[in-house]
PDB file of N, CA and C in Angstrom:
ATOM      1  N   MET A   1     -67.769 -29.266   3.530  1.00  0.00           N
ATOM      2  CA  MET A   1     -68.477 -30.488   3.867  1.00  0.00           C
ATOM      3  C   MET A   1     -68.106 -31.575   2.858  1.00  0.00           C
ATOM      4  N   GLN A   2     -67.637 -32.682   3.338  1.00  0.00           N
ATOM      5  CA  GLN A   2     -67.246 -33.781   2.465  1.00  0.00           C
ATOM      6  C   GLN A   2     -68.391 -34.788   2.402  1.00  0.00           C
ATOM      7  N   LEU A   3     -68.825 -35.111   1.172  1.00  0.00           N
ATOM      8  CA  LEU A   3     -69.955 -36.016   0.985  1.00  0.00           C
ATOM      9  C   LEU A   3     -69.558 -37.480   1.079  1.00  0.00           C
ATOM     10  N   PHE A   4     -68.327 -37.791   0.711  1.00  0.00           N
ATOM     11  CA  PHE A   4     -67.876 -39.173   0.688  1.00  0.00           C
ATOM     12  C   PHE A   4     -66.806 -39.380   1.754  1.00  0.00           C
ATOM     13  N   LYS A   5     -66.738 -40.578   2.283  1.00  0.00           N
ATOM     14  CA  LYS A   5     -65.733 -40.893   3.294  1.00  0.00           C
ATOM     15  C   LYS A   5     -64.332 -40.926   2.702  1.00  0.00           C
ATOM     16  N   GLU A   6     -64.242 -41.188   1.423  1.00  0.00           N
ATOM     17  CA  GLU A   6     -62.946 -41.224   0.753  1.00  0.00           C
ATOM     18  C   GLU A   6     -63.070 -40.527  -0.589  1.00  0.00           C
ATOM     19  N   ASN A   7     -61.954 -40.172  -1.144  1.00  0.00           N
ATOM     20  CA  ASN A   7     -61.940 -39.523  -2.444  1.00  0.00           C
ATOM     21  C   ASN A   7     -62.185 -40.586  -3.521  1.00  0.00           C
ATOM     22  N   ILE A   8     -63.378 -40.582  -4.111  1.00  0.00           N
ATOM     23  CA  ILE A   8     -63.732 -41.625  -5.081  1.00  0.00           C
ATOM     24  C   ILE A   8     -62.968 -41.490  -6.397  1.00  0.00           C
ATOM     25  N   PHE A   9     -62.347 -40.333  -6.634  1.00  0.00           N
ATOM     26  CA  PHE A   9     -61.598 -40.127  -7.868  1.00  0.00           C
ATOM     27  C   PHE A   9     -60.088 -40.262  -7.661  1.00  0.00           C
ATOM     28  N   GLU A  10     -59.674 -40.657  -6.485  1.00  0.00           N
ATOM     29  CA  GLU A  10     -58.257 -40.700  -6.144  1.00  0.00           C
ATOM     30  C   GLU A  10     -57.432 -41.533  -7.121  1.00  0.00           C
ATOM     31  N   LYS A  11     -57.923 -42.666  -7.543  1.00  0.00           N
ATOM     32  CA  LYS A  11     -57.162 -43.558  -8.426  1.00  0.00           C
ATOM     33  C   LYS A  11     -57.545 -43.396  -9.897  1.00  0.00           C
ATOM     34  N   THR A  12     -58.441 -42.459 -10.185  1.00  0.00           N
ATOM     35  CA  THR A  12     -58.882 -42.225 -11.552  1.00  0.00           C
ATOM     36  C   THR A  12     -57.916 -41.283 -12.245  1.00  0.00           C
ATOM     37  N   LYS A  13     -57.530 -41.639 -13.454  1.00  0.00           N
ATOM     38  CA  LYS A  13     -56.640 -40.785 -14.229  1.00  0.00           C
ATOM     39  C   LYS A  13     -57.456 -40.096 -15.316  1.00  0.00           C
ATOM     40  N   PHE A  14     -57.489 -38.786 -15.252  1.00  0.00           N
ATOM     41  CA  PHE A  14     -58.162 -38.000 -16.264  1.00  0.00           C
ATOM     42  C   PHE A  14     -57.113 -37.443 -17.212  1.00  0.00           C
ATOM     43  N   SER A  15     -57.394 -37.492 -18.499  1.00  0.00           N
ATOM     44  CA  SER A  15     -56.462 -36.987 -19.492  1.00  0.00           C
ATOM     45  C   SER A  15     -56.855 -35.585 -19.909  1.00  0.00           C
ATOM     46  N   GLU A  16     -55.863 -34.785 -20.178  1.00  0.00           N
ATOM     47  CA  GLU A  16     -56.099 -33.448 -20.677  1.00  0.00           C
ATOM     48  C   GLU A  16     -56.083 -33.489 -22.200  1.00  0.00           C
ATOM     49  N   PHE A  17     -57.020 -32.796 -22.829  1.00  0.00           N
ATOM     50  CA  PHE A  17     -57.057 -32.728 -24.285  1.00  0.00           C
ATOM     51  C   PHE A  17     -56.020 -31.706 -24.725  1.00  0.00           C
ATOM     52  N   THR A  18     -55.051 -32.142 -25.518  1.00  0.00           N
ATOM     53  CA  THR A  18     -53.956 -31.266 -25.924  1.00  0.00           C
ATOM     54  C   THR A  18     -54.078 -30.878 -27.397  1.00  0.00           C
ATOM     55  N   LYS A  19     -53.302 -29.893 -27.799  1.00  0.00           N
ATOM     56  CA  LYS A  19     -53.293 -29.446 -29.203  1.00  0.00           C
ATOM     57  C   LYS A  19     -52.911 -30.579 -30.151  1.00  0.00           C
ATOM     58  N   ASP A  20     -52.033 -31.460 -29.699  1.00  0.00           N
ATOM     59  CA  ASP A  20     -51.597 -32.581 -30.536  1.00  0.00           C
ATOM     60  C   ASP A  20     -52.736 -33.550 -30.844  1.00  0.00           C
ATOM     61  N   MET A  21     -53.767 -33.532 -30.050  1.00  0.00           N
ATOM     62  CA  MET A  21     -54.880 -34.472 -30.213  1.00  0.00           C
ATOM     63  C   MET A  21     -55.931 -33.971 -31.203  1.00  0.00           C
ATOM     64  N   ARG A  22     -55.846 -32.724 -31.612  1.00  0.00           N
ATOM     65  CA  ARG A  22     -56.867 -32.120 -32.481  1.00  0.00           C
ATOM     66  C   ARG A  22     -57.179 -32.931 -33.728  1.00  0.00           C
ATOM     67  N   GLU A  23     -56.154 -33.357 -34.422  1.00  0.00           N
ATOM     68  CA  GLU A  23     -56.354 -34.007 -35.712  1.00  0.00           C
ATOM     69  C   GLU A  23     -56.627 -35.499 -35.610  1.00  0.00           C
ATOM     70  N   THR A  24     -56.320 -36.098 -34.485  1.00  0.00           N
ATOM     71  CA  THR A  24     -56.444 -37.549 -34.391  1.00  0.00           C
ATOM     72  C   THR A  24     -57.591 -38.017 -33.502  1.00  0.00           C
ATOM     73  N   TYR A  25     -58.159 -37.134 -32.712  1.00  0.00           N
ATOM     74  CA  TYR A  25     -59.227 -37.506 -31.789  1.00  0.00           C
ATOM     75  C   TYR A  25     -60.575 -37.020 -32.272  1.00  0.00           C
ATOM     76  N   THR A  26     -61.605 -37.738 -31.887  1.00  0.00           N
ATOM     77  CA  THR A  26     -62.984 -37.301 -32.065  1.00  0.00           C
ATOM     78  C   THR A  26     -63.508 -36.967 -30.680  1.00  0.00           C
ATOM     79  N   ILE A  27     -64.118 -35.800 -30.553  1.00  0.00           N
ATOM     80  CA  ILE A  27     -64.755 -35.416 -29.289  1.00  0.00           C
ATOM     81  C   ILE A  27     -66.250 -35.609 -29.456  1.00  0.00           C
ATOM     82  N   LEU A  28     -66.833 -36.398 -28.574  1.00  0.00           N
ATOM     83  CA  LEU A  28     -68.280 -36.619 -28.585  1.00  0.00           C
ATOM     84  C   LEU A  28     -68.943 -35.682 -27.583  1.00  0.00           C
ATOM     85  N   GLY A  29     -70.026 -35.085 -28.014  1.00  0.00           N
ATOM     86  CA  GLY A  29     -70.782 -34.205 -27.127  1.00  0.00           C
ATOM     87  C   GLY A  29     -72.261 -34.537 -27.209  1.00  0.00           C
ATOM     88  N   PRO A  30     -72.960 -34.503 -26.091  1.00  0.00           N
ATOM     89  CA  PRO A  30     -74.391 -34.775 -26.100  1.00  0.00           C
ATOM     90  C   PRO A  30     -75.163 -33.579 -26.661  1.00  0.00           C
ATOM     91  N   GLN A  31     -76.342 -33.834 -27.153  1.00  0.00           N
ATOM     92  CA  GLN A  31     -77.184 -32.766 -27.678  1.00  0.00           C
ATOM     93  C   GLN A  31     -77.993 -32.159 -26.536  1.00  0.00           C
ATOM     94  N   LEU A  32     -77.665 -30.946 -26.171  1.00  0.00           N
ATOM     95  CA  LEU A  32     -78.400 -30.280 -25.098  1.00  0.00           C
ATOM     96  C   LEU A  32     -79.235 -29.115 -25.611  1.00  0.00           C
ATOM     97  N   SER A  33     -78.790 -28.501 -26.682  1.00  0.00           N
ATOM     98  CA  SER A  33     -79.497 -27.356 -27.244  1.00  0.00           C
ATOM     99  C   SER A  33     -79.184 -27.282 -28.729  1.00  0.00           C
ATOM    100  N   PRO A  34     -80.085 -27.765 -29.583  1.00  0.00           N
ATOM    101  CA  PRO A  34     -79.789 -27.848 -31.015  1.00  0.00           C
ATOM    102  C   PRO A  34     -79.307 -26.543 -31.640  1.00  0.00           C
ATOM    103  N   LEU A  35     -79.928 -25.444 -31.316  1.00  0.00           N
ATOM    104  CA  LEU A  35     -79.535 -24.161 -31.903  1.00  0.00           C
ATOM    105  C   LEU A  35     -78.130 -23.757 -31.456  1.00  0.00           C
ATOM    106  N   HIS A  36     -77.883 -23.787 -30.176  1.00  0.00           N
ATOM    107  CA  HIS A  36     -76.596 -23.346 -29.647  1.00  0.00           C
ATOM    108  C   HIS A  36     -75.463 -24.308 -30.013  1.00  0.00           C
ATOM    109  N   PHE A  37     -75.736 -25.595 -29.952  1.00  0.00           N
ATOM    110  CA  PHE A  37     -74.682 -26.565 -30.245  1.00  0.00           C
ATOM    111  C   PHE A  37     -74.317 -26.569 -31.724  1.00  0.00           C
ATOM    112  N   ARG A  38     -75.249 -26.223 -32.590  1.00  0.00           N
ATOM    113  CA  ARG A  38     -74.938 -26.113 -34.018  1.00  0.00           C
ATOM    114  C   ARG A  38     -73.908 -25.000 -34.234  1.00  0.00           C
ATOM    115  N   LEU A  39     -74.066 -23.895 -33.512  1.00  0.00           N
ATOM    116  CA  LEU A  39     -73.108 -22.786 -33.614  1.00  0.00           C
ATOM    117  C   LEU A  39     -71.762 -23.177 -33.009  1.00  0.00           C
ATOM    118  N   ALA A  40     -71.796 -23.821 -31.855  1.00  0.00           N
ATOM    119  CA  ALA A  40     -70.562 -24.244 -31.192  1.00  0.00           C
ATOM    120  C   ALA A  40     -69.815 -25.254 -32.056  1.00  0.00           C
ATOM    121  N   ASP A  41     -70.550 -26.174 -32.654  1.00  0.00           N
ATOM    122  CA  ASP A  41     -69.943 -27.190 -33.520  1.00  0.00           C
ATOM    123  C   ASP A  41     -69.167 -26.522 -34.655  1.00  0.00           C
ATOM    124  N   SER A  42     -69.789 -25.562 -35.309  1.00  0.00           N
ATOM    125  CA  SER A  42     -69.126 -24.865 -36.422  1.00  0.00           C
ATOM    126  C   SER A  42     -67.889 -24.110 -35.949  1.00  0.00           C
ATOM    127  N   ALA A  43     -67.993 -23.422 -34.839  1.00  0.00           N
ATOM    128  CA  ALA A  43     -66.869 -22.643 -34.315  1.00  0.00           C
ATOM    129  C   ALA A  43     -65.705 -23.547 -33.925  1.00  0.00           C
ATOM    130  N   ILE A  44     -65.991 -24.639 -33.288  1.00  0.00           N
ATOM    131  CA  ILE A  44     -64.937 -25.558 -32.842  1.00  0.00           C
ATOM    132  C   ILE A  44     -64.272 -26.239 -34.029  1.00  0.00           C
ATOM    133  N   ARG A  45     -65.059 -26.633 -35.023  1.00  0.00           N
ATOM    134  CA  ARG A  45     -64.496 -27.290 -36.214  1.00  0.00           C
ATOM    135  C   ARG A  45     -63.560 -26.346 -36.980  1.00  0.00           C
ATOM    136  N   LYS A  46     -63.836 -25.047 -36.941  1.00  0.00           N
ATOM    137  CA  LYS A  46     -62.965 -24.075 -37.624  1.00  0.00           C
ATOM    138  C   LYS A  46     -61.564 -24.051 -37.020  1.00  0.00           C
ATOM    139  N   HIS A  47     -61.429 -24.546 -35.806  1.00  0.00           N
ATOM    140  CA  HIS A  47     -60.131 -24.605 -35.139  1.00  0.00           C
ATOM    141  C   HIS A  47     -59.479 -25.978 -35.297  1.00  0.00           C
ATOM    142  N   GLY A  48     -60.001 -26.796 -36.212  1.00  0.00           N
ATOM    143  CA  GLY A  48     -59.387 -28.078 -36.518  1.00  0.00           C
ATOM    144  C   GLY A  48     -59.704 -29.193 -35.541  1.00  0.00           C
ATOM    145  N   ILE A  49     -60.738 -28.997 -34.739  1.00  0.00           N
ATOM    146  CA  ILE A  49     -61.110 -30.016 -33.754  1.00  0.00           C
ATOM    147  C   ILE A  49     -62.292 -30.806 -34.297  1.00  0.00           C
ATOM    148  N   ASN A  50     -62.179 -32.133 -34.263  1.00  0.00           N
ATOM    149  CA  ASN A  50     -63.231 -33.003 -34.768  1.00  0.00           C
ATOM    150  C   ASN A  50     -64.257 -33.241 -33.659  1.00  0.00           C
ATOM    151  N   LEU A  51     -65.270 -32.394 -33.618  1.00  0.00           N
ATOM    152  CA  LEU A  51     -66.338 -32.499 -32.632  1.00  0.00           C
ATOM    153  C   LEU A  51     -67.558 -33.126 -33.285  1.00  0.00           C
ATOM    154  N   GLU A  52     -68.129 -34.101 -32.627  1.00  0.00           N
ATOM    155  CA  GLU A  52     -69.366 -34.703 -33.124  1.00  0.00           C
ATOM    156  C   GLU A  52     -70.435 -34.601 -32.037  1.00  0.00           C
ATOM    157  N   ILE A  53     -71.456 -33.804 -32.332  1.00  0.00           N
ATOM    158  CA  ILE A  53     -72.578 -33.677 -31.408  1.00  0.00           C
ATOM    159  C   ILE A  53     -73.549 -34.813 -31.727  1.00  0.00           C
ATOM    160  N   LEU A  54     -73.868 -35.596 -30.719  1.00  0.00           N
ATOM    161  CA  LEU A  54     -74.780 -36.730 -30.886  1.00  0.00           C
ATOM    162  C   LEU A  54     -76.207 -36.180 -30.898  1.00  0.00           C
ATOM    163  N   SER A  55     -76.785 -36.108 -32.067  1.00  0.00           N
ATOM    164  CA  SER A  55     -78.026 -35.360 -32.223  1.00  0.00           C
ATOM    165  C   SER A  55     -79.299 -36.127 -31.886  1.00  0.00           C
ATOM    166  N   LYS A  56     -79.316 -37.392 -32.094  1.00  0.00           N
ATOM    167  CA  LYS A  56     -80.547 -38.167 -31.890  1.00  0.00           C
ATOM    168  C   LYS A  56     -80.519 -38.892 -30.552  1.00  0.00           C
ATOM    169  N   VAL A  57     -81.617 -38.810 -29.836  1.00  0.00           N
ATOM    170  CA  VAL A  57     -81.783 -39.562 -28.588  1.00  0.00           C
ATOM    171  C   VAL A  57     -82.900 -40.563 -28.823  1.00  0.00           C
ATOM    172  N   ASN A  58     -82.654 -41.804 -28.437  1.00  0.00           N
ATOM    173  CA  ASN A  58     -83.701 -42.808 -28.601  1.00  0.00           C
ATOM    174  C   ASN A  58     -83.943 -43.548 -27.285  1.00  0.00           C
ATOM    175  N   LYS A  59     -84.880 -44.438 -27.306  1.00  0.00           N
ATOM    176  CA  LYS A  59     -85.251 -45.184 -26.092  1.00  0.00           C
ATOM    177  C   LYS A  59     -84.066 -45.964 -25.518  1.00  0.00           C
ATOM    178  N   ASN A  60     -83.227 -46.510 -26.386  1.00  0.00           N
ATOM    179  CA  ASN A  60     -82.052 -47.261 -25.919  1.00  0.00           C
ATOM    180  C   ASN A  60     -81.092 -46.379 -25.129  1.00  0.00           C
ATOM    181  N   ASP A  61     -80.973 -45.102 -25.527  1.00  0.00           N
ATOM    182  CA  ASP A  61     -80.113 -44.176 -24.792  1.00  0.00           C
ATOM    183  C   ASP A  61     -80.640 -43.976 -23.370  1.00  0.00           C
ATOM    184  N   ILE A  62     -81.929 -43.835 -23.245  1.00  0.00           N
ATOM    185  CA  ILE A  62     -82.543 -43.640 -21.928  1.00  0.00           C
ATOM    186  C   ILE A  62     -82.359 -44.889 -21.074  1.00  0.00           C
ATOM    187  N   GLU A  63     -82.590 -46.053 -21.656  1.00  0.00           N
ATOM    188  CA  GLU A  63     -82.414 -47.308 -20.911  1.00  0.00           C
ATOM    189  C   GLU A  63     -80.966 -47.497 -20.479  1.00  0.00           C
ATOM    190  N   GLU A  64     -80.025 -47.140 -21.365  1.00  0.00           N
ATOM    191  CA  GLU A  64     -78.601 -47.258 -21.027  1.00  0.00           C
ATOM    192  C   GLU A  64     -78.244 -46.286 -19.908  1.00  0.00           C
ATOM    193  N   GLY A  65     -78.770 -45.083 -19.978  1.00  0.00           N
ATOM    194  CA  GLY A  65     -78.527 -44.104 -18.926  1.00  0.00           C
ATOM    195  C   GLY A  65     -79.040 -44.580 -17.580  1.00  0.00           C
ATOM    196  N   LEU A  66     -80.196 -45.227 -17.577  1.00  0.00           N
ATOM    197  CA  LEU A  66     -80.764 -45.734 -16.323  1.00  0.00           C
ATOM    198  C   LEU A  66     -79.935 -46.867 -15.725  1.00  0.00           C
ATOM    199  N   ARG A  67     -79.143 -47.555 -16.543  1.00  0.00           N
ATOM    200  CA  ARG A  67     -78.263 -48.608 -16.018  1.00  0.00           C
ATOM    201  C   ARG A  67     -77.116 -48.023 -15.192  1.00  0.00           C
ATOM    202  N   TYR A  68     -76.710 -46.803 -15.521  1.00  0.00           N
ATOM    203  CA  TYR A  68     -75.527 -46.222 -14.895  1.00  0.00           C
ATOM    204  C   TYR A  68     -75.803 -45.014 -13.996  1.00  0.00           C
ATOM    205  N   VAL A  69     -76.985 -44.447 -14.089  1.00  0.00           N
ATOM    206  CA  VAL A  69     -77.306 -43.249 -13.324  1.00  0.00           C
ATOM    207  C   VAL A  69     -78.472 -43.551 -12.387  1.00  0.00           C
ATOM    208  N   ASN A  70     -78.349 -43.148 -11.162  1.00  0.00           N
ATOM    209  CA  ASN A  70     -79.439 -43.311 -10.204  1.00  0.00           C
ATOM    210  C   ASN A  70     -80.658 -42.567 -10.735  1.00  0.00           C
ATOM    211  N   ASN A  71     -81.811 -43.187 -10.700  1.00  0.00           N
ATOM    212  CA  ASN A  71     -82.996 -42.548 -11.281  1.00  0.00           C
ATOM    213  C   ASN A  71     -83.510 -41.377 -10.450  1.00  0.00           C
ATOM    214  N   ASN A  72     -82.823 -41.022  -9.377  1.00  0.00           N
ATOM    215  CA  ASN A  72     -83.126 -39.782  -8.662  1.00  0.00           C
ATOM    216  C   ASN A  72     -82.457 -38.591  -9.332  1.00  0.00           C
ATOM    217  N   ALA A  73     -81.536 -38.862 -10.264  1.00  0.00           N
ATOM    218  CA  ALA A  73     -80.873 -37.791 -11.000  1.00  0.00           C
ATOM    219  C   ALA A  73     -81.853 -37.186 -11.996  1.00  0.00           C
ATOM    220  N   CYS A  74     -81.534 -36.011 -12.472  1.00  0.00           N
ATOM    221  CA  CYS A  74     -82.431 -35.360 -13.430  1.00  0.00           C
ATOM    222  C   CYS A  74     -82.445 -36.123 -14.757  1.00  0.00           C
ATOM    223  N   TYR A  75     -83.542 -36.007 -15.453  1.00  0.00           N
ATOM    224  CA  TYR A  75     -83.730 -36.710 -16.721  1.00  0.00           C
ATOM    225  C   TYR A  75     -82.628 -36.385 -17.737  1.00  0.00           C
ATOM    226  N   PRO A  76     -82.228 -35.106 -17.899  1.00  0.00           N
ATOM    227  CA  PRO A  76     -81.155 -34.835 -18.857  1.00  0.00           C
ATOM    228  C   PRO A  76     -79.857 -35.586 -18.548  1.00  0.00           C
ATOM    229  N   THR A  77     -79.551 -35.796 -17.282  1.00  0.00           N
ATOM    230  CA  THR A  77     -78.348 -36.550 -16.926  1.00  0.00           C
ATOM    231  C   THR A  77     -78.459 -37.985 -17.425  1.00  0.00           C
ATOM    232  N   ILE A  78     -79.600 -38.586 -17.233  1.00  0.00           N
ATOM    233  CA  ILE A  78     -79.833 -39.959 -17.676  1.00  0.00           C
ATOM    234  C   ILE A  78     -79.678 -40.055 -19.197  1.00  0.00           C
ATOM    235  N   VAL A  79     -80.249 -39.095 -19.906  1.00  0.00           N
ATOM    236  CA  VAL A  79     -80.194 -39.089 -21.372  1.00  0.00           C
ATOM    237  C   VAL A  79     -78.759 -38.900 -21.858  1.00  0.00           C
ATOM    238  N   VAL A  80     -78.049 -37.925 -21.289  1.00  0.00           N
ATOM    239  CA  VAL A  80     -76.683 -37.618 -21.718  1.00  0.00           C
ATOM    240  C   VAL A  80     -75.752 -38.809 -21.483  1.00  0.00           C
ATOM    241  N   VAL A  81     -75.801 -39.388 -20.304  1.00  0.00           N
ATOM    242  CA  VAL A  81     -74.928 -40.526 -19.998  1.00  0.00           C
ATOM    243  C   VAL A  81     -75.255 -41.697 -20.923  1.00  0.00           C
ATOM    244  N   GLY A  82     -76.523 -41.992 -21.102  1.00  0.00           N
ATOM    245  CA  GLY A  82     -76.918 -43.085 -21.991  1.00  0.00           C
ATOM    246  C   GLY A  82     -76.505 -42.852 -23.427  1.00  0.00           C
ATOM    247  N   GLN A  83     -76.657 -41.633 -23.899  1.00  0.00           N
ATOM    248  CA  GLN A  83     -76.289 -41.302 -25.269  1.00  0.00           C
ATOM    249  C   GLN A  83     -74.778 -41.461 -25.483  1.00  0.00           C
ATOM    250  N   LEU A  84     -73.983 -40.979 -24.544  1.00  0.00           N
ATOM    251  CA  LEU A  84     -72.531 -41.094 -24.675  1.00  0.00           C
ATOM    252  C   LEU A  84     -72.065 -42.548 -24.576  1.00  0.00           C
ATOM    253  N   ILE A  85     -72.613 -43.314 -23.644  1.00  0.00           N
ATOM    254  CA  ILE A  85     -72.216 -44.716 -23.501  1.00  0.00           C
ATOM    255  C   ILE A  85     -72.600 -45.510 -24.746  1.00  0.00           C
ATOM    256  N   ASN A  86     -73.795 -45.297 -25.265  1.00  0.00           N
ATOM    257  CA  ASN A  86     -74.201 -46.009 -26.485  1.00  0.00           C
ATOM    258  C   ASN A  86     -73.320 -45.638 -27.672  1.00  0.00           C
ATOM    259  N   ALA A  87     -72.911 -44.389 -27.753  1.00  0.00           N
ATOM    260  CA  ALA A  87     -72.011 -43.985 -28.841  1.00  0.00           C
ATOM    261  C   ALA A  87     -70.682 -44.729 -28.727  1.00  0.00           C
ATOM    262  N   LEU A  88     -70.157 -44.831 -27.511  1.00  0.00           N
ATOM    263  CA  LEU A  88     -68.892 -45.538 -27.311  1.00  0.00           C
ATOM    264  C   LEU A  88     -69.030 -47.034 -27.602  1.00  0.00           C
ATOM    265  N   LYS A  89     -70.179 -47.608 -27.287  1.00  0.00           N
ATOM    266  CA  LYS A  89     -70.411 -49.037 -27.527  1.00  0.00           C
ATOM    267  C   LYS A  89     -70.722 -49.346 -28.988  1.00  0.00           C
ATOM    268  N   SER A  90     -71.026 -48.340 -29.785  1.00  0.00           N
ATOM    269  CA  SER A  90     -71.493 -48.552 -31.159  1.00  0.00           C
ATOM    270  C   SER A  90     -70.436 -49.167 -32.078  1.00  0.00           C
ATOM    271  N   GLY A  91     -69.165 -49.027 -31.731  1.00  0.00           N
ATOM    272  CA  GLY A  91     -68.108 -49.509 -32.603  1.00  0.00           C
ATOM    273  C   GLY A  91     -67.701 -48.500 -33.670  1.00  0.00           C
ATOM    274  N   LYS A  92     -68.374 -47.385 -33.708  1.00  0.00           N
ATOM    275  CA  LYS A  92     -68.099 -46.352 -34.708  1.00  0.00           C
ATOM    276  C   LYS A  92     -66.826 -45.565 -34.387  1.00  0.00           C
ATOM    277  N   TYR A  93     -66.424 -45.558 -33.126  1.00  0.00           N
ATOM    278  CA  TYR A  93     -65.309 -44.719 -32.687  1.00  0.00           C
ATOM    279  C   TYR A  93     -64.162 -45.569 -32.161  1.00  0.00           C
ATOM    280  N   ASP A  94     -62.941 -45.089 -32.397  1.00  0.00           N
ATOM    281  CA  ASP A  94     -61.755 -45.703 -31.831  1.00  0.00           C
ATOM    282  C   ASP A  94     -61.690 -45.239 -30.377  1.00  0.00           C
ATOM    283  N   LEU A  95     -61.910 -46.145 -29.439  1.00  0.00           N
ATOM    284  CA  LEU A  95     -61.983 -45.771 -28.035  1.00  0.00           C
ATOM    285  C   LEU A  95     -60.674 -45.195 -27.509  1.00  0.00           C
ATOM    286  N   ASN A  96     -59.565 -45.480 -28.174  1.00  0.00           N
ATOM    287  CA  ASN A  96     -58.286 -44.914 -27.767  1.00  0.00           C
ATOM    288  C   ASN A  96     -58.056 -43.516 -28.332  1.00  0.00           C
ATOM    289  N   LYS A  97     -58.958 -43.089 -29.212  1.00  0.00           N
ATOM    290  CA  LYS A  97     -58.839 -41.769 -29.836  1.00  0.00           C
ATOM    291  C   LYS A  97     -60.159 -40.998 -29.740  1.00  0.00           C
ATOM    292  N   THR A  98     -60.888 -41.222 -28.663  1.00  0.00           N
ATOM    293  CA  THR A  98     -62.171 -40.560 -28.471  1.00  0.00           C
ATOM    294  C   THR A  98     -62.183 -39.871 -27.118  1.00  0.00           C
ATOM    295  N   ALA A  99     -62.676 -38.660 -27.116  1.00  0.00           N
ATOM    296  CA  ALA A  99     -62.845 -37.895 -25.882  1.00  0.00           C
ATOM    297  C   ALA A  99     -64.309 -37.487 -25.793  1.00  0.00           C
ATOM    298  N   MET A 100     -64.737 -37.078 -24.619  1.00  0.00           N
ATOM    299  CA  MET A 100     -66.113 -36.624 -24.443  1.00  0.00           C
ATOM    300  C   MET A 100     -66.103 -35.249 -23.787  1.00  0.00           C
ATOM    301  N   ILE A 101     -67.091 -34.463 -24.142  1.00  0.00           N
ATOM    302  CA  ILE A 101     -67.243 -33.151 -23.537  1.00  0.00           C
ATOM    303  C   ILE A 101     -68.651 -33.076 -22.977  1.00  0.00           C
ATOM    304  N   ILE A 102     -68.740 -32.599 -21.762  1.00  0.00           N
ATOM    305  CA  ILE A 102     -70.039 -32.451 -21.105  1.00  0.00           C
ATOM    306  C   ILE A 102     -70.035 -31.107 -20.397  1.00  0.00           C
ATOM    307  N   SER A 103     -71.112 -30.365 -20.572  1.00  0.00           N
ATOM    308  CA  SER A 103     -71.222 -29.102 -19.866  1.00  0.00           C
ATOM    309  C   SER A 103     -72.101 -29.271 -18.639  1.00  0.00           C
ATOM    310  N   GLN A 104     -71.937 -28.408 -17.682  1.00  0.00           N
ATOM    311  CA  GLN A 104     -72.805 -28.417 -16.518  1.00  0.00           C
ATOM    312  C   GLN A 104     -74.055 -27.636 -16.866  1.00  0.00           C
ATOM    313  N   THR A 105     -75.213 -28.188 -16.585  1.00  0.00           N
ATOM    314  CA  THR A 105     -76.451 -27.568 -17.047  1.00  0.00           C
ATOM    315  C   THR A 105     -77.220 -26.819 -15.978  1.00  0.00           C
ATOM    316  N   ASP A 106     -76.995 -27.103 -14.726  1.00  0.00           N
ATOM    317  CA  ASP A 106     -77.715 -26.438 -13.636  1.00  0.00           C
ATOM    318  C   ASP A 106     -79.072 -25.997 -14.066  1.00  0.00           C
TER     319      ASP A 106
END
């Protein structure tokens, strides 16, 4: 069953994270589970990957998420999208050397 009349990702180019990017890229990840993500962060960093878990969620993250996510979506989706967008807008990261990781939460 096709939900959309056309492929909405047809013209979108997704980049693959390669081994060459390990030392020069920062990967941003939303905070979904403090205990588990703390372990994942340590394990991933041991492999030379610069992962930054965005630990704090504030009201601005929620408001930003609501700008881009339909409010019929689950609350964690709104928070995650807002947190990642605010991190990218913060000026702290080189947008040409930043990647994002998101897990499916079901």
